[in-house]
């Protein structure tokens, strides 16, 4: 069975659950140095980073390809 993290590509919208149980959505920016994880830009004034790993990814929305 394919993992949700394997379907993430640069520019996709990814929803994760943080340690408090709150859902956070951000854009996938680049692969992390940790195997199987992605760095997300969750917005904010300076682009707050978050880490999307296999255990906390809830949803992946593909970006429109041209």
PDB file of N, CA and C in Angstrom:
ATOM      1  N   UNK A   1       0.840  -1.186   0.000  1.00  0.00           N
ATOM      2  CA  UNK A   1       0.000   0.000   0.000  1.00  0.00           C
ATOM      3  C   UNK A   1       0.882   1.245   0.000  1.00  0.00           C
ATOM      4  N   UNK A   2       0.573   2.197  -0.856  1.00  0.00           N
ATOM      5  CA  UNK A   2       1.374   3.409  -0.981  1.00  0.00           C
ATOM      6  C   UNK A   2       1.114   4.349   0.196  1.00  0.00           C
ATOM      7  N   UNK A   3       2.185   4.943   0.676  1.00  0.00           N
ATOM      8  CA  UNK A   3       2.056   5.905   1.760  1.00  0.00           C
ATOM      9  C   UNK A   3       1.640   7.255   1.193  1.00  0.00           C
ATOM     10  N   UNK A   4       0.949   8.051   1.977  1.00  0.00           N
ATOM     11  CA  UNK A   4       0.496   9.369   1.555  1.00  0.00           C
ATOM     12  C   UNK A   4       1.671  10.297   1.299  1.00  0.00           C
ATOM     13  N   UNK A   5       2.737  10.132   2.045  1.00  0.00           N
ATOM     14  CA  UNK A   5       3.927  10.982   1.900  1.00  0.00           C
ATOM     15  C   UNK A   5       4.588  10.769   0.539  1.00  0.00           C
ATOM     16  N   UNK A   6       4.496   9.575   0.010  1.00  0.00           N
ATOM     17  CA  UNK A   6       5.110   9.287  -1.286  1.00  0.00           C
ATOM     18  C   UNK A   6       4.417  10.004  -2.441  1.00  0.00           C
ATOM     19  N   UNK A   7       3.195  10.456  -2.231  1.00  0.00           N
ATOM     20  CA  UNK A   7       2.438  11.139  -3.285  1.00  0.00           C
ATOM     21  C   UNK A   7       2.698  12.642  -3.314  1.00  0.00           C
ATOM     22  N   UNK A   8       3.402  13.174  -2.331  1.00  0.00           N
ATOM     23  CA  UNK A   8       3.656  14.614  -2.248  1.00  0.00           C
ATOM     24  C   UNK A   8       4.689  15.027  -3.283  1.00  0.00           C
ATOM     25  N   UNK A   9       4.406  16.127  -3.956  1.00  0.00           N
ATOM     26  CA  UNK A   9       5.336  16.752  -4.889  1.00  0.00           C
ATOM     27  C   UNK A   9       5.451  18.232  -4.520  1.00  0.00           C
ATOM     28  N   UNK A  10       6.501  18.865  -5.010  1.00  0.00           N
ATOM     29  CA  UNK A  10       6.728  20.276  -4.713  1.00  0.00           C
ATOM     30  C   UNK A  10       5.533  21.108  -5.191  1.00  0.00           C
ATOM     31  N   UNK A  11       5.012  21.976  -4.319  1.00  0.00           N
ATOM     32  CA  UNK A  11       3.892  22.841  -4.655  1.00  0.00           C
ATOM     33  C   UNK A  11       2.538  22.318  -4.213  1.00  0.00           C
ATOM     34  N   UNK A  12       2.460  21.064  -3.798  1.00  0.00           N
ATOM     35  CA  UNK A  12       1.191  20.487  -3.343  1.00  0.00           C
ATOM     36  C   UNK A  12       0.789  21.068  -1.994  1.00  0.00           C
ATOM     37  N   UNK A  13      -0.523  21.131  -1.753  1.00  0.00           N
ATOM     38  CA  UNK A  13      -1.036  21.530  -0.447  1.00  0.00           C
ATOM     39  C   UNK A  13      -1.126  20.280   0.420  1.00  0.00           C
ATOM     40  N   UNK A  14      -0.543  20.338   1.609  1.00  0.00           N
ATOM     41  CA  UNK A  14      -0.511  19.181   2.503  1.00  0.00           C
ATOM     42  C   UNK A  14      -1.097  19.581   3.853  1.00  0.00           C
ATOM     43  N   UNK A  15      -1.987  18.747   4.368  1.00  0.00           N
ATOM     44  CA  UNK A  15      -2.568  18.966   5.690  1.00  0.00           C
ATOM     45  C   UNK A  15      -1.965  17.951   6.650  1.00  0.00           C
ATOM     46  N   UNK A  16      -1.462  18.456   7.790  1.00  0.00           N
ATOM     47  CA  UNK A  16      -0.862  17.600   8.811  1.00  0.00           C
ATOM     48  C   UNK A  16      -1.555  17.852  10.145  1.00  0.00           C
ATOM     49  N   UNK A  17      -1.328  16.964  11.090  1.00  0.00           N
ATOM     50  CA  UNK A  17      -1.820  17.128  12.453  1.00  0.00           C
ATOM     51  C   UNK A  17      -0.606  17.338  13.345  1.00  0.00           C
ATOM     52  N   UNK A  18      -0.599  18.444  14.117  1.00  0.00           N
ATOM     53  CA  UNK A  18       0.545  18.696  15.001  1.00  0.00           C
ATOM     54  C   UNK A  18       0.387  17.922  16.309  1.00  0.00           C
ATOM     55  N   UNK A  19       1.310  18.101  17.221  1.00  0.00           N
ATOM     56  CA  UNK A  19       1.294  17.328  18.476  1.00  0.00           C
ATOM     57  C   UNK A  19       0.107  17.676  19.364  1.00  0.00           C
ATOM     58  N   UNK A  20      -0.499  18.851  19.157  1.00  0.00           N
ATOM     59  CA  UNK A  20      -1.671  19.251  19.938  1.00  0.00           C
ATOM     60  C   UNK A  20      -2.975  18.723  19.347  1.00  0.00           C
ATOM     61  N   UNK A  21      -2.895  18.128  18.154  1.00  0.00           N
ATOM     62  CA  UNK A  21      -4.081  17.606  17.507  1.00  0.00           C
ATOM     63  C   UNK A  21      -4.730  18.593  16.555  1.00  0.00           C
ATOM     64  N   UNK A  22      -4.086  19.744  16.329  1.00  0.00           N
ATOM     65  CA  UNK A  22      -4.623  20.771  15.438  1.00  0.00           C
ATOM     66  C   UNK A  22      -4.177  20.499  14.005  1.00  0.00           C
ATOM     67  N   UNK A  23      -5.103  20.668  13.048  1.00  0.00           N
ATOM     68  CA  UNK A  23      -4.770  20.469  11.635  1.00  0.00           C
ATOM     69  C   UNK A  23      -4.148  21.740  11.078  1.00  0.00           C
ATOM     70  N   UNK A  24      -3.033  21.577  10.355  1.00  0.00           N
ATOM     71  CA  UNK A  24      -2.307  22.690   9.753  1.00  0.00           C
ATOM     72  C   UNK A  24      -2.113  22.374   8.272  1.00  0.00           C
ATOM     73  N   UNK A  25      -2.357  23.364   7.417  1.00  0.00           N
ATOM     74  CA  UNK A  25      -2.185  23.187   5.979  1.00  0.00           C
ATOM     75  C   UNK A  25      -1.069  24.089   5.482  1.00  0.00           C
ATOM     76  N   UNK A  26      -0.235  23.538   4.597  1.00  0.00           N
ATOM     77  CA  UNK A  26       0.854  24.317   4.021  1.00  0.00           C
ATOM     78  C   UNK A  26       1.262  23.769   2.674  1.00  0.00           C
ATOM     79  N   UNK A  27       2.122  24.494   1.988  1.00  0.00           N
ATOM     80  CA  UNK A  27       2.641  24.085   0.684  1.00  0.00           C
ATOM     81  C   UNK A  27       3.942  23.326   0.853  1.00  0.00           C
ATOM     82  N   UNK A  28       4.085  22.244   0.097  1.00  0.00           N
ATOM     83  CA  UNK A  28       5.316  21.462   0.121  1.00  0.00           C
ATOM     84  C   UNK A  28       6.401  22.255  -0.604  1.00  0.00           C
ATOM     85  N   UNK A  29       7.520  22.491   0.080  1.00  0.00           N
ATOM     86  CA  UNK A  29       8.588  23.311  -0.466  1.00  0.00           C
ATOM     87  C   UNK A  29       9.738  22.447  -0.963  1.00  0.00           C
ATOM     88  N   UNK A  30      10.198  21.529  -0.108  1.00  0.00           N
ATOM     89  CA  UNK A  30      11.327  20.675  -0.489  1.00  0.00           C
ATOM     90  C   UNK A  30      11.341  19.438   0.398  1.00  0.00           C
ATOM     91  N   UNK A  31      12.085  18.422  -0.047  1.00  0.00           N
ATOM     92  CA  UNK A  31      12.256  17.225   0.772  1.00  0.00           C
ATOM     93  C   UNK A  31      13.183  17.546   1.934  1.00  0.00           C
ATOM     94  N   UNK A  32      12.901  16.950   3.059  1.00  0.00           N
ATOM     95  CA  UNK A  32      13.725  17.144   4.239  1.00  0.00           C
ATOM     96  C   UNK A  32      14.912  16.191   4.207  1.00  0.00           C
ATOM     97  N   UNK A  33      15.896  16.476   5.030  1.00  0.00           N
ATOM     98  CA  UNK A  33      17.042  15.570   5.123  1.00  0.00           C
ATOM     99  C   UNK A  33      16.654  14.274   5.837  1.00  0.00           C
ATOM    100  N   UNK A  34      15.546  14.319   6.584  1.00  0.00           N
ATOM    101  CA  UNK A  34      15.014  13.104   7.197  1.00  0.00           C
ATOM    102  C   UNK A  34      14.322  12.294   6.112  1.00  0.00           C
ATOM    103  N   UNK A  35      14.597  11.017   6.051  1.00  0.00           N
ATOM    104  CA  UNK A  35      14.037  10.178   4.987  1.00  0.00           C
ATOM    105  C   UNK A  35      12.515  10.134   5.053  1.00  0.00           C
ATOM    106  N   UNK A  36      11.881  10.425   3.918  1.00  0.00           N
ATOM    107  CA  UNK A  36      10.430  10.332   3.815  1.00  0.00           C
ATOM    108  C   UNK A  36       9.665  11.512   4.371  1.00  0.00           C
ATOM    109  N   UNK A  37      10.319  12.639   4.613  1.00  0.00           N
ATOM    110  CA  UNK A  37       9.644  13.820   5.156  1.00  0.00           C
ATOM    111  C   UNK A  37       9.750  14.993   4.187  1.00  0.00           C
ATOM    112  N   UNK A  38       8.802  15.924   4.289  1.00  0.00           N
ATOM    113  CA  UNK A  38       8.787  17.130   3.470  1.00  0.00           C
ATOM    114  C   UNK A  38       8.713  18.355   4.365  1.00  0.00           C
ATOM    115  N   UNK A  39       9.323  19.441   3.931  1.00  0.00           N
ATOM    116  CA  UNK A  39       9.239  20.721   4.623  1.00  0.00           C
ATOM    117  C   UNK A  39       8.072  21.485   4.018  1.00  0.00           C
ATOM    118  N   UNK A  40       7.194  22.005   4.887  1.00  0.00           N
ATOM    119  CA  UNK A  40       6.029  22.766   4.443  1.00  0.00           C
ATOM    120  C   UNK A  40       6.171  24.232   4.812  1.00  0.00           C
ATOM    121  N   UNK A  41       5.620  25.104   3.981  1.00  0.00           N
ATOM    122  CA  UNK A  41       5.496  26.514   4.299  1.00  0.00           C
ATOM    123  C   UNK A  41       4.046  26.717   4.707  1.00  0.00           C
ATOM    124  N   UNK A  42       3.820  26.967   6.001  1.00  0.00           N
ATOM    125  CA  UNK A  42       2.454  27.084   6.505  1.00  0.00           C
ATOM    126  C   UNK A  42       1.973  28.523   6.540  1.00  0.00           C
ATOM    127  N   UNK A  43       2.698  29.416   5.920  1.00  0.00           N
ATOM    128  CA  UNK A  43       2.271  30.812   5.833  1.00  0.00           C
ATOM    129  C   UNK A  43       2.817  31.654   6.963  1.00  0.00           C
ATOM    130  N   UNK A  44       2.146  32.741   7.222  1.00  0.00           N
ATOM    131  CA  UNK A  44       2.610  33.668   8.237  1.00  0.00           C
ATOM    132  C   UNK A  44       3.531  34.705   7.625  1.00  0.00           C
ATOM    133  N   UNK A  45       3.967  35.616   8.426  1.00  0.00           N
ATOM    134  CA  UNK A  45       4.774  36.732   7.952  1.00  0.00           C
ATOM    135  C   UNK A  45       6.085  36.301   7.311  1.00  0.00           C
ATOM    136  N   UNK A  46       6.738  35.310   7.895  1.00  0.00           N
ATOM    137  CA  UNK A  46       8.040  34.881   7.398  1.00  0.00           C
ATOM    138  C   UNK A  46       8.040  33.448   6.861  1.00  0.00           C
ATOM    139  N   UNK A  47       6.883  32.874   6.617  1.00  0.00           N
ATOM    140  CA  UNK A  47       6.808  31.520   6.077  1.00  0.00           C
ATOM    141  C   UNK A  47       7.133  30.476   7.119  1.00  0.00           C
ATOM    142  N   UNK A  48       6.276  30.312   8.083  1.00  0.00           N
ATOM    143  CA  UNK A  48       6.481  29.360   9.189  1.00  0.00           C
ATOM    144  C   UNK A  48       6.663  27.949   8.657  1.00  0.00           C
ATOM    145  N   UNK A  49       7.772  27.288   8.975  1.00  0.00           N
ATOM    146  CA  UNK A  49       7.997  25.927   8.485  1.00  0.00           C
ATOM    147  C   UNK A  49       7.318  24.865   9.351  1.00  0.00           C
ATOM    148  N   UNK A  50       7.010  23.751   8.737  1.00  0.00           N
ATOM    149  CA  UNK A  50       6.484  22.579   9.437  1.00  0.00           C
ATOM    150  C   UNK A  50       7.007  21.349   8.706  1.00  0.00           C
ATOM    151  N   UNK A  51       7.015  20.230   9.399  1.00  0.00           N
ATOM    152  CA  UNK A  51       7.543  18.999   8.826  1.00  0.00           C
ATOM    153  C   UNK A  51       6.410  17.994   8.638  1.00  0.00           C
ATOM    154  N   UNK A  52       6.276  17.491   7.414  1.00  0.00           N
ATOM    155  CA  UNK A  52       5.253  16.487   7.091  1.00  0.00           C
ATOM    156  C   UNK A  52       5.934  15.135   6.952  1.00  0.00           C
ATOM    157  N   UNK A  53       5.646  14.239   7.893  1.00  0.00           N
ATOM    158  CA  UNK A  53       6.198  12.881   7.870  1.00  0.00           C
ATOM    159  C   UNK A  53       5.062  11.877   7.702  1.00  0.00           C
ATOM    160  N   UNK A  54       5.420  10.633   7.619  1.00  0.00           N
ATOM    161  CA  UNK A  54       4.447   9.568   7.390  1.00  0.00           C
ATOM    162  C   UNK A  54       3.381   9.509   8.484  1.00  0.00           C
ATOM    163  N   UNK A  55       3.734   9.820   9.713  1.00  0.00           N
ATOM    164  CA  UNK A  55       2.796   9.640  10.823  1.00  0.00           C
ATOM    165  C   UNK A  55       1.816  10.793  11.008  1.00  0.00           C
ATOM    166  N   UNK A  56       2.107  11.996  10.431  1.00  0.00           N
ATOM    167  CA  UNK A  56       1.221  13.129  10.698  1.00  0.00           C
ATOM    168  C   UNK A  56       0.502  13.678   9.467  1.00  0.00           C
ATOM    169  N   UNK A  57       0.678  13.098   8.293  1.00  0.00           N
ATOM    170  CA  UNK A  57       0.004  13.587   7.086  1.00  0.00           C
ATOM    171  C   UNK A  57      -1.437  13.084   7.051  1.00  0.00           C
ATOM    172  N   UNK A  58      -2.364  14.014   6.835  1.00  0.00           N
ATOM    173  CA  UNK A  58      -3.785  13.687   6.784  1.00  0.00           C
ATOM    174  C   UNK A  58      -4.307  13.720   5.354  1.00  0.00           C
ATOM    175  N   UNK A  59      -3.899  14.757   4.581  1.00  0.00           N
ATOM    176  CA  UNK A  59      -4.459  14.964   3.250  1.00  0.00           C
ATOM    177  C   UNK A  59      -3.418  15.614   2.344  1.00  0.00           C
ATOM    178  N   UNK A  60      -3.432  15.228   1.070  1.00  0.00           N
ATOM    179  CA  UNK A  60      -2.560  15.824   0.057  1.00  0.00           C
ATOM    180  C   UNK A  60      -3.432  16.275  -1.108  1.00  0.00           C
ATOM    181  N   UNK A  61      -3.384  17.575  -1.420  1.00  0.00           N
ATOM    182  CA  UNK A  61      -4.117  18.125  -2.550  1.00  0.00           C
ATOM    183  C   UNK A  61      -3.111  18.516  -3.625  1.00  0.00           C
ATOM    184  N   UNK A  62      -3.248  17.917  -4.783  1.00  0.00           N
ATOM    185  CA  UNK A  62      -2.322  18.197  -5.874  1.00  0.00           C
ATOM    186  C   UNK A  62      -2.508  19.597  -6.401  1.00  0.00           C
ATOM    187  N   UNK A  63      -1.398  20.244  -6.756  1.00  0.00           N
ATOM    188  CA  UNK A  63      -1.514  21.561  -7.360  1.00  0.00           C
ATOM    189  C   UNK A  63      -1.826  21.394  -8.834  1.00  0.00           C
ATOM    190  N   UNK A  64      -2.360  22.404  -9.437  1.00  0.00           N
ATOM    191  CA  UNK A  64      -2.692  22.349 -10.859  1.00  0.00           C
ATOM    192  C   UNK A  64      -1.414  22.346 -11.682  1.00  0.00           C
ATOM    193  N   UNK A  65      -1.309  21.422 -12.570  1.00  0.00           N
ATOM    194  CA  UNK A  65      -0.143  21.333 -13.453  1.00  0.00           C
ATOM    195  C   UNK A  65      -0.518  21.950 -14.797  1.00  0.00           C
ATOM    196  N   UNK A  66       0.402  22.657 -15.387  1.00  0.00           N
ATOM    197  CA  UNK A  66       0.138  23.281 -16.699  1.00  0.00           C
ATOM    198  C   UNK A  66       0.792  22.526 -17.787  1.00  0.00           C
TER     199      UNK A  66
END
